[in-house]
C-alpha atoms as a PDB file:
ATOM      1  CA  UNK A   1      49.091 164.714 110.499  1.00  0.00           C
ATOM      2  CA  UNK A   2      51.353 166.635 112.869  1.00  0.00           C
ATOM      3  CA  UNK A   3      49.757 169.549 114.682  1.00  0.00           C
ATOM      4  CA  UNK A   4      51.655 172.399 116.306  1.00  0.00           C
ATOM      5  CA  UNK A   5      49.568 174.825 118.352  1.00  0.00           C
ATOM      6  CA  UNK A   6      50.738 178.014 120.057  1.00  0.00           C
ATOM      7  CA  UNK A   7      48.978 179.960 122.784  1.00  0.00           C
ATOM      8  CA  UNK A   8      49.638 182.781 125.207  1.00  0.00           C
ATOM      9  CA  UNK A   9      50.111 185.823 123.017  1.00  0.00           C
ATOM     10  CA  UNK A  10      48.511 189.165 123.721  1.00  0.00           C
ATOM     11  CA  UNK A  11      49.024 192.824 124.499  1.00  0.00           C
ATOM     12  CA  UNK A  12      51.521 193.800 127.182  1.00  0.00           C
ATOM     13  CA  UNK A  13      53.136 197.047 128.281  1.00  0.00           C
ATOM     14  CA  UNK A  14      56.871 197.636 127.869  1.00  0.00           C
ATOM     15  CA  UNK A  15      58.742 195.973 130.699  1.00  0.00           C
ATOM     16  CA  UNK A  16      56.031 193.378 131.155  1.00  0.00           C
ATOM     17  CA  UNK A  17      56.079 189.609 130.773  1.00  0.00           C
ATOM     18  CA  UNK A  18      54.303 186.979 128.713  1.00  0.00           C
ATOM     19  CA  UNK A  19      54.500 183.218 128.563  1.00  0.00           C
ATOM     20  CA  UNK A  20      54.014 181.454 125.245  1.00  0.00           C
ATOM     21  CA  UNK A  21      53.169 177.773 125.137  1.00  0.00           C
ATOM     22  CA  UNK A  22      53.391 175.325 122.261  1.00  0.00           C
ATOM     23  CA  UNK A  23      52.062 171.805 122.040  1.00  0.00           C
ATOM     24  CA  UNK A  24      53.141 169.497 119.227  1.00  0.00           C
ATOM     25  CA  UNK A  25      51.665 166.160 118.272  1.00  0.00           C
ATOM     26  CA  UNK A  26      54.994 164.871 116.929  1.00  0.00           C
ATOM     27  CA  UNK A  27      55.719 161.383 118.139  1.00  0.00           C
ATOM     28  CA  UNK A  28      57.879 160.907 119.974  1.00  0.00           C
ATOM     29  CA  UNK A  29      58.091 164.578 120.963  1.00  0.00           C
ATOM     30  CA  UNK A  30      61.361 164.063 122.813  1.00  0.00           C
ATOM     31  CA  UNK A  31      63.472 163.526 119.685  1.00  0.00           C
ATOM     32  CA  UNK A  32      62.428 166.740 117.974  1.00  0.00           C
ATOM     33  CA  UNK A  33      64.362 169.978 118.155  1.00  0.00           C
ATOM     34  CA  UNK A  34      61.950 172.757 119.092  1.00  0.00           C
ATOM     35  CA  UNK A  35      62.105 176.458 118.526  1.00  0.00           C
ATOM     36  CA  UNK A  36      60.349 179.783 118.640  1.00  0.00           C
ATOM     37  CA  UNK A  37      60.573 182.154 115.695  1.00  0.00           C
ATOM     38  CA  UNK A  38      59.017 185.549 115.107  1.00  0.00           C
ATOM     39  CA  UNK A  39      58.096 187.816 112.250  1.00  0.00           C
ATOM     40  CA  UNK A  40      57.645 191.495 112.949  1.00  0.00           C
ATOM     41  CA  UNK A  41      55.847 193.984 110.678  1.00  0.00           C
ATOM     42  CA  UNK A  42      57.773 194.340 107.444  1.00  0.00           C
ATOM     43  CA  UNK A  43      60.484 191.958 108.608  1.00  0.00           C
ATOM     44  CA  UNK A  44      61.639 188.467 107.755  1.00  0.00           C
ATOM     45  CA  UNK A  45      61.020 185.570 110.095  1.00  0.00           C
ATOM     46  CA  UNK A  46      63.871 185.177 112.571  1.00  0.00           C
ATOM     47  CA  UNK A  47      64.909 182.640 115.162  1.00  0.00           C
ATOM     48  CA  UNK A  48      64.229 183.708 118.746  1.00  0.00           C
ATOM     49  CA  UNK A  49      65.135 180.658 120.814  1.00  0.00           C
ATOM     50  CA  UNK A  50      65.687 176.965 120.201  1.00  0.00           C
ATOM     51  CA  UNK A  51      66.081 173.877 122.352  1.00  0.00           C
ATOM     52  CA  UNK A  52      67.467 170.618 121.009  1.00  0.00           C
ATOM     53  CA  UNK A  53      66.186 167.165 121.837  1.00  0.00           C
ATOM     54  CA  UNK A  54      69.163 166.949 124.232  1.00  0.00           C
ATOM     55  CA  UNK A  55      68.184 170.145 126.008  1.00  0.00           C
ATOM     56  CA  UNK A  56      70.769 172.540 124.596  1.00  0.00           C
ATOM     57  CA  UNK A  57      69.429 176.055 124.139  1.00  0.00           C
ATOM     58  CA  UNK A  58      70.294 178.921 121.836  1.00  0.00           C
ATOM     59  CA  UNK A  59      69.015 182.497 121.831  1.00  0.00           C
ATOM     60  CA  UNK A  60      69.035 185.447 119.500  1.00  0.00           C
ATOM     61  CA  UNK A  61      71.315 188.187 120.830  1.00  0.00           C
ATOM     62  CA  UNK A  62      68.357 190.552 121.045  1.00  0.00           C
ATOM     63  CA  UNK A  63      66.570 188.371 123.632  1.00  0.00           C
ATOM     64  CA  UNK A  64      69.452 186.936 125.667  1.00  0.00           C
ATOM     65  CA  UNK A  65      68.924 187.488 129.363  1.00  0.00           C
ATOM     66  CA  UNK A  66      65.231 188.301 128.858  1.00  0.00           C
ATOM     67  CA  UNK A  67      63.702 185.186 127.276  1.00  0.00           C
ATOM     68  CA  UNK A  68      63.916 181.580 128.451  1.00  0.00           C
ATOM     69  CA  UNK A  69      62.955 178.509 126.449  1.00  0.00           C
ATOM     70  CA  UNK A  70      62.156 175.217 128.124  1.00  0.00           C
ATOM     71  CA  UNK A  71      60.559 171.935 127.173  1.00  0.00           C
ATOM     72  CA  UNK A  72      58.433 169.383 128.996  1.00  0.00           C
ATOM     73  CA  UNK A  73      58.612 166.186 127.019  1.00  0.00           C
ATOM     74  CA  UNK A  74      56.024 164.466 129.178  1.00  0.00           C
ATOM     75  CA  UNK A  75      53.460 167.023 128.022  1.00  0.00           C
ATOM     76  CA  UNK A  76      54.731 167.513 124.440  1.00  0.00           C
ATOM     77  CA  UNK A  77      55.165 171.177 125.331  1.00  0.00           C
ATOM     78  CA  UNK A  78      57.719 173.903 124.826  1.00  0.00           C
ATOM     79  CA  UNK A  79      57.496 177.184 126.725  1.00  0.00           C
ATOM     80  CA  UNK A  80      58.902 180.625 125.965  1.00  0.00           C
ATOM     81  CA  UNK A  81      59.048 182.869 129.018  1.00  0.00           C
ATOM     82  CA  UNK A  82      59.446 186.468 127.915  1.00  0.00           C
ATOM     83  CA  UNK A  83      60.432 189.135 130.447  1.00  0.00           C
ATOM     84  CA  UNK A  84      61.350 192.807 130.160  1.00  0.00           C
ATOM     85  CA  UNK A  85      59.486 193.031 126.899  1.00  0.00           C
ATOM     86  CA  UNK A  86      60.255 195.859 124.495  1.00  0.00           C
ATOM     87  CA  UNK A  87      58.189 197.375 121.674  1.00  0.00           C
ATOM     88  CA  UNK A  88      60.616 195.804 119.193  1.00  0.00           C
ATOM     89  CA  UNK A  89      59.532 192.363 120.440  1.00  0.00           C
ATOM     90  CA  UNK A  90      56.176 192.975 118.779  1.00  0.00           C
ATOM     91  CA  UNK A  91      55.683 190.197 116.238  1.00  0.00           C
ATOM     92  CA  UNK A  92      53.817 187.053 115.371  1.00  0.00           C
ATOM     93  CA  UNK A  93      55.544 184.235 117.222  1.00  0.00           C
ATOM     94  CA  UNK A  94      55.695 180.791 115.630  1.00  0.00           C
ATOM     95  CA  UNK A  95      56.547 177.448 117.166  1.00  0.00           C
ATOM     96  CA  UNK A  96      58.607 174.980 115.165  1.00  0.00           C
ATOM     97  CA  UNK A  97      59.263 171.261 115.519  1.00  0.00           C
ATOM     98  CA  UNK A  98      62.203 169.953 113.514  1.00  0.00           C
ATOM     99  CA  UNK A  99      63.801 166.579 112.935  1.00  0.00           C
ATOM    100  CA  UNK A 100      66.195 165.205 110.346  1.00  0.00           C
ATOM    101  CA  UNK A 101      65.206 161.808 108.992  1.00  0.00           C
ATOM    102  CA  UNK A 102      67.628 160.109 106.578  1.00  0.00           C
ATOM    103  CA  UNK A 103      69.121 163.476 105.713  1.00  0.00           C
ATOM    104  CA  UNK A 104      65.761 165.101 105.038  1.00  0.00           C
ATOM    105  CA  UNK A 105      64.673 167.924 107.333  1.00  0.00           C
ATOM    106  CA  UNK A 106      61.115 167.613 108.567  1.00  0.00           C
ATOM    107  CA  UNK A 107      59.706 170.972 109.676  1.00  0.00           C
ATOM    108  CA  UNK A 108      56.349 171.554 111.319  1.00  0.00           C
ATOM    109  CA  UNK A 109      55.000 175.017 112.075  1.00  0.00           C
ATOM    110  CA  UNK A 110      52.156 176.396 114.110  1.00  0.00           C
ATOM    111  CA  UNK A 111      49.792 179.114 112.942  1.00  0.00           C
ATOM    112  CA  UNK A 112      51.441 181.745 115.115  1.00  0.00           C
ATOM    113  CA  UNK A 113      50.366 183.882 118.040  1.00  0.00           C
ATOM    114  CA  UNK A 114      50.462 187.688 118.097  1.00  0.00           C
ATOM    115  CA  UNK A 115      52.549 189.469 120.717  1.00  0.00           C
ATOM    116  CA  UNK A 116      52.138 193.234 120.938  1.00  0.00           C
ATOM    117  CA  UNK A 117      54.258 195.329 123.275  1.00  0.00           C
ATOM    118  CA  UNK A 118      52.833 198.803 123.579  1.00  0.00           C
ATOM    119  CA  UNK A 119      51.841 201.382 126.152  1.00  0.00           C
END
């Protein structure tokens, strides 16, 4: 049973920073593409940032230059560093581990962590 666990959410003022951490029990962790997604109030879930098994990153336009995704394969961890936070970043943030096996996509999700940006 694969487990994906997020941590690090909370309440922060506009302009502040937060670091989200995700640990996945996928084995081996290094061959999984990892990503952070978010779902704001009344909105659909959207991709925030992803990092492939090879280390290539991709960001939503709304977070480019403010968020940084990184992975530490030795610790089965992916980090989302969020700076210059805005109220519109308020959402539940989900970590995802993804791998295609024989043409079938295997997706594993965490339970989510709440991020609230408010003064």
